[in-house]
Amino acid sequence: MPSTIAYIGLGSNQGDRLAMIFAALKLLDEMPGVVMGILSQIIETAPLGGPVNQENYLNCVVQANFTGTADELLANLQAVENHLGRRRKVKWGPRNIDLDLLLFGDEIIDKPHLQVPHPQMHLRRFVMEPLVQIAPDAIHPQLVRTMKQLLAELEDQQ
C-alpha cells in the first residue's frame, strides 16, 4: 500500500505544553506506518471558544507520510492522546494534548467520527499559519485553493 501525505495539527494548553507536544511527536514517530516529515514552528495562541479563563495554547502542524487509511491514522492519533492522558470533558475545553487530522492526501471523508479535510481548519489562524509554513501550496480538496490562499483570505476577513 502506498503512503499518503497527511497533515496533523497539535495543540496543548495544560501542564508542560511543550513537553506534551514533543511527547506526542515522539509517539507518532514510533508508530508503524508513520514516517514523520516537516514540523512547523510552534506558536502560542489564545484559546478560541470554550470555557473562559483557559491558558494559551501552543500549536503546530506536522507533515507525516502514512501507510494505511485515514481511519487507521485517526485511531493512532487518538491512541497517542489517550496514552498522554487526554480526557474529553468539555467541548473546546482545556486539554493537555489535542491531535487533529487536517488533511489526508486529497481525500474528502465525511463520516460521523472523521471529517477530512478538517471542517474548521481554514477558519483557524492557529492551524493555517503553521500549515502554510510547511505546505503553502497544498490544495484544500473541497475549497480547491492553496493553504497560502486560504490564509490570505482569512487575514482579509479579519
Protein backbone atom coordinates (compact mmCIF):
# COMPACT_ATOMS: atom_id res chain seq x y z
CA MET A 1 0.00 0.00 0.00
CA PRO A 2 1.45 3.40 -0.93
CA SER A 3 1.84 6.07 1.70
CA THR A 4 -0.32 9.18 1.87
CA ILE A 5 0.84 12.64 2.93
CA ALA A 6 -1.13 13.74 5.98
CA TYR A 7 -1.05 16.97 7.94
CA ILE A 8 -1.69 16.77 11.67
CA GLY A 9 -2.39 19.71 13.97
CA LEU A 10 -1.08 19.51 17.53
CA GLY A 11 -2.12 21.71 20.43
CA SER A 12 -1.75 21.87 24.20
CA ASN A 13 -2.81 24.34 26.88
CA GLN A 14 -2.41 22.37 30.12
CA GLY A 15 0.65 21.35 32.07
CA ASP A 16 4.03 21.42 30.36
CA ARG A 17 2.63 22.28 26.94
CA LEU A 18 5.91 22.00 25.04
CA ALA A 19 6.78 18.65 26.64
CA MET A 20 3.31 17.34 25.70
CA ILE A 21 3.73 18.32 22.06
CA PHE A 22 7.18 16.73 21.86
CA ALA A 23 5.92 13.57 23.60
CA ALA A 24 3.10 13.30 21.05
CA LEU A 25 5.54 13.80 18.17
CA LYS A 26 7.83 11.10 19.57
CA LEU A 27 4.95 8.63 19.91
CA LEU A 28 3.77 9.38 16.37
CA ASP A 29 7.29 8.87 15.05
CA GLU A 30 7.44 5.43 16.72
CA MET A 31 4.17 4.21 15.18
CA PRO A 32 4.27 1.59 12.43
CA GLY A 33 3.40 3.06 9.06
CA VAL A 34 4.28 6.63 10.06
CA VAL A 35 7.24 8.50 8.60
CA MET A 36 7.49 11.96 10.08
CA GLY A 37 8.16 14.89 7.79
CA ILE A 38 8.40 18.64 8.23
CA LEU A 39 7.39 20.27 11.52
CA SER A 40 6.19 23.87 11.61
CA GLN A 41 7.26 26.39 14.19
CA ILE A 42 5.37 26.14 17.46
CA ILE A 43 3.20 29.20 18.01
CA GLU A 44 1.35 30.45 21.08
CA THR A 45 -2.28 31.46 20.62
CA ALA A 46 -5.24 32.47 22.74
CA PRO A 47 -7.99 29.85 23.11
CA LEU A 48 -10.80 30.00 20.57
CA GLY A 49 -14.22 29.35 22.10
CA GLY A 50 -14.86 27.07 25.04
CA PRO A 51 -14.77 27.95 28.73
CA VAL A 52 -13.35 31.31 29.78
CA ASN A 53 -10.01 31.71 31.60
CA GLN A 54 -8.20 28.95 29.71
CA GLU A 55 -4.45 29.15 29.34
CA ASN A 56 -2.95 29.97 25.93
CA TYR A 57 -2.27 27.13 23.53
CA LEU A 58 0.92 26.03 21.90
CA ASN A 59 0.11 24.88 18.36
CA CYS A 60 1.99 23.41 15.43
CA VAL A 61 1.43 21.27 12.36
CA VAL A 62 3.45 18.27 11.25
CA GLN A 63 3.57 16.51 7.92
CA ALA A 64 3.60 12.73 8.06
CA ASN A 65 3.61 10.03 5.42
CA PHE A 66 1.25 7.28 6.48
CA THR A 67 0.86 3.80 5.06
CA GLY A 68 -2.75 2.97 5.83
CA THR A 69 -6.18 4.56 5.81
CA ALA A 70 -7.34 7.83 7.31
CA ASP A 71 -9.40 5.82 9.83
CA GLU A 72 -6.28 3.96 10.91
CA LEU A 73 -4.35 7.21 11.30
CA LEU A 74 -7.18 8.72 13.32
CA ALA A 75 -7.12 5.67 15.61
CA ASN A 76 -3.36 6.18 16.04
CA LEU A 77 -3.84 9.86 16.89
CA GLN A 78 -6.49 9.00 19.46
CA ALA A 79 -4.23 6.31 20.93
CA VAL A 80 -1.49 8.92 21.39
CA GLU A 81 -3.94 11.31 23.06
CA ASN A 82 -5.15 8.55 25.39
CA HIS A 83 -1.59 7.44 26.20
CA LEU A 84 -0.73 11.02 27.18
CA GLY A 85 -3.78 11.28 29.44
CA ARG A 86 -6.21 13.26 27.30
CA ARG A 87 -9.68 13.34 28.84
CA ARG A 88 -12.59 14.75 26.82
CA LYS A 89 -14.68 16.62 29.39
CA VAL A 90 -15.85 19.89 27.83
CA LYS A 91 -16.12 20.71 24.12
CA TRP A 92 -13.33 23.17 23.24
CA GLY A 93 -12.20 22.96 26.86
CA PRO A 94 -8.62 22.91 28.09
CA ARG A 95 -6.57 19.90 27.10
CA ASN A 96 -3.10 18.60 27.71
CA ILE A 97 -2.87 17.37 24.11
CA ASP A 98 -5.02 17.62 21.01
CA LEU A 99 -4.22 15.93 17.70
CA ASP A 100 -6.32 16.76 14.65
CA LEU A 101 -6.12 15.12 11.25
CA LEU A 102 -6.27 18.15 8.98
CA LEU A 103 -5.60 16.71 5.53
CA PHE A 104 -5.11 13.17 4.25
CA GLY A 105 -3.79 13.38 0.71
CA ASP A 106 -6.56 14.75 -1.47
CA GLU A 107 -9.23 12.63 0.20
CA ILE A 108 -12.61 14.03 1.21
CA ILE A 109 -14.11 12.00 4.06
CA ASP A 110 -17.42 12.70 5.77
CA LYS A 111 -18.17 10.15 8.47
CA PRO A 112 -19.67 10.72 11.91
CA HIS A 113 -16.28 10.10 13.57
CA LEU A 114 -13.98 11.57 10.89
CA GLN A 115 -14.19 14.59 8.63
CA VAL A 116 -11.31 15.33 6.28
CA PRO A 117 -10.36 17.99 5.43
CA HIS A 118 -10.89 19.18 8.99
CA PRO A 119 -14.12 21.20 8.68
CA GLN A 120 -12.88 24.29 10.55
CA MET A 121 -9.22 24.33 9.56
CA HIS A 122 -9.47 27.15 7.00
CA LEU A 123 -11.14 29.40 9.62
CA ARG A 124 -8.47 28.98 12.28
CA ARG A 125 -5.33 31.07 12.17
CA PHE A 126 -3.65 28.74 14.71
CA VAL A 127 -3.95 25.96 12.11
CA MET A 128 -3.37 27.90 8.92
CA GLU A 129 -0.24 29.84 9.93
CA PRO A 130 1.79 26.73 10.85
CA LEU A 131 0.34 24.77 7.93
CA VAL A 132 1.36 27.48 5.45
CA GLN A 133 4.91 27.37 6.87
CA ILE A 134 5.32 23.75 5.80
CA ALA A 135 2.83 23.32 2.92
CA PRO A 136 1.89 26.67 1.36
CA ASP A 137 0.99 25.06 -1.97
CA ALA A 138 -1.01 22.11 -0.61
CA ILE A 139 -4.53 22.17 -2.05
CA HIS A 140 -7.67 22.02 0.08
CA PRO A 141 -9.59 19.30 -1.80
CA GLN A 142 -13.03 20.82 -1.15
CA LEU A 143 -12.29 24.54 -1.43
CA VAL A 144 -9.76 23.95 -4.27
CA ARG A 145 -7.41 26.67 -3.06
CA THR A 146 -3.89 26.51 -1.68
CA MET A 147 -3.21 26.83 2.03
CA LYS A 148 -1.45 30.13 1.28
CA GLN A 149 -4.57 31.46 -0.48
CA LEU A 150 -6.81 30.33 2.38
CA LEU A 151 -4.61 32.06 4.95
CA ALA A 152 -4.66 35.28 2.89
CA GLU A 153 -8.47 35.11 2.72
CA LEU A 154 -8.63 34.54 6.49
CA GLU A 155 -6.41 37.58 7.07
CA ASP A 156 -8.59 39.67 4.73
CA GLN A 157 -11.70 38.71 6.72
CA GLN A 158 -10.13 39.80 9.99
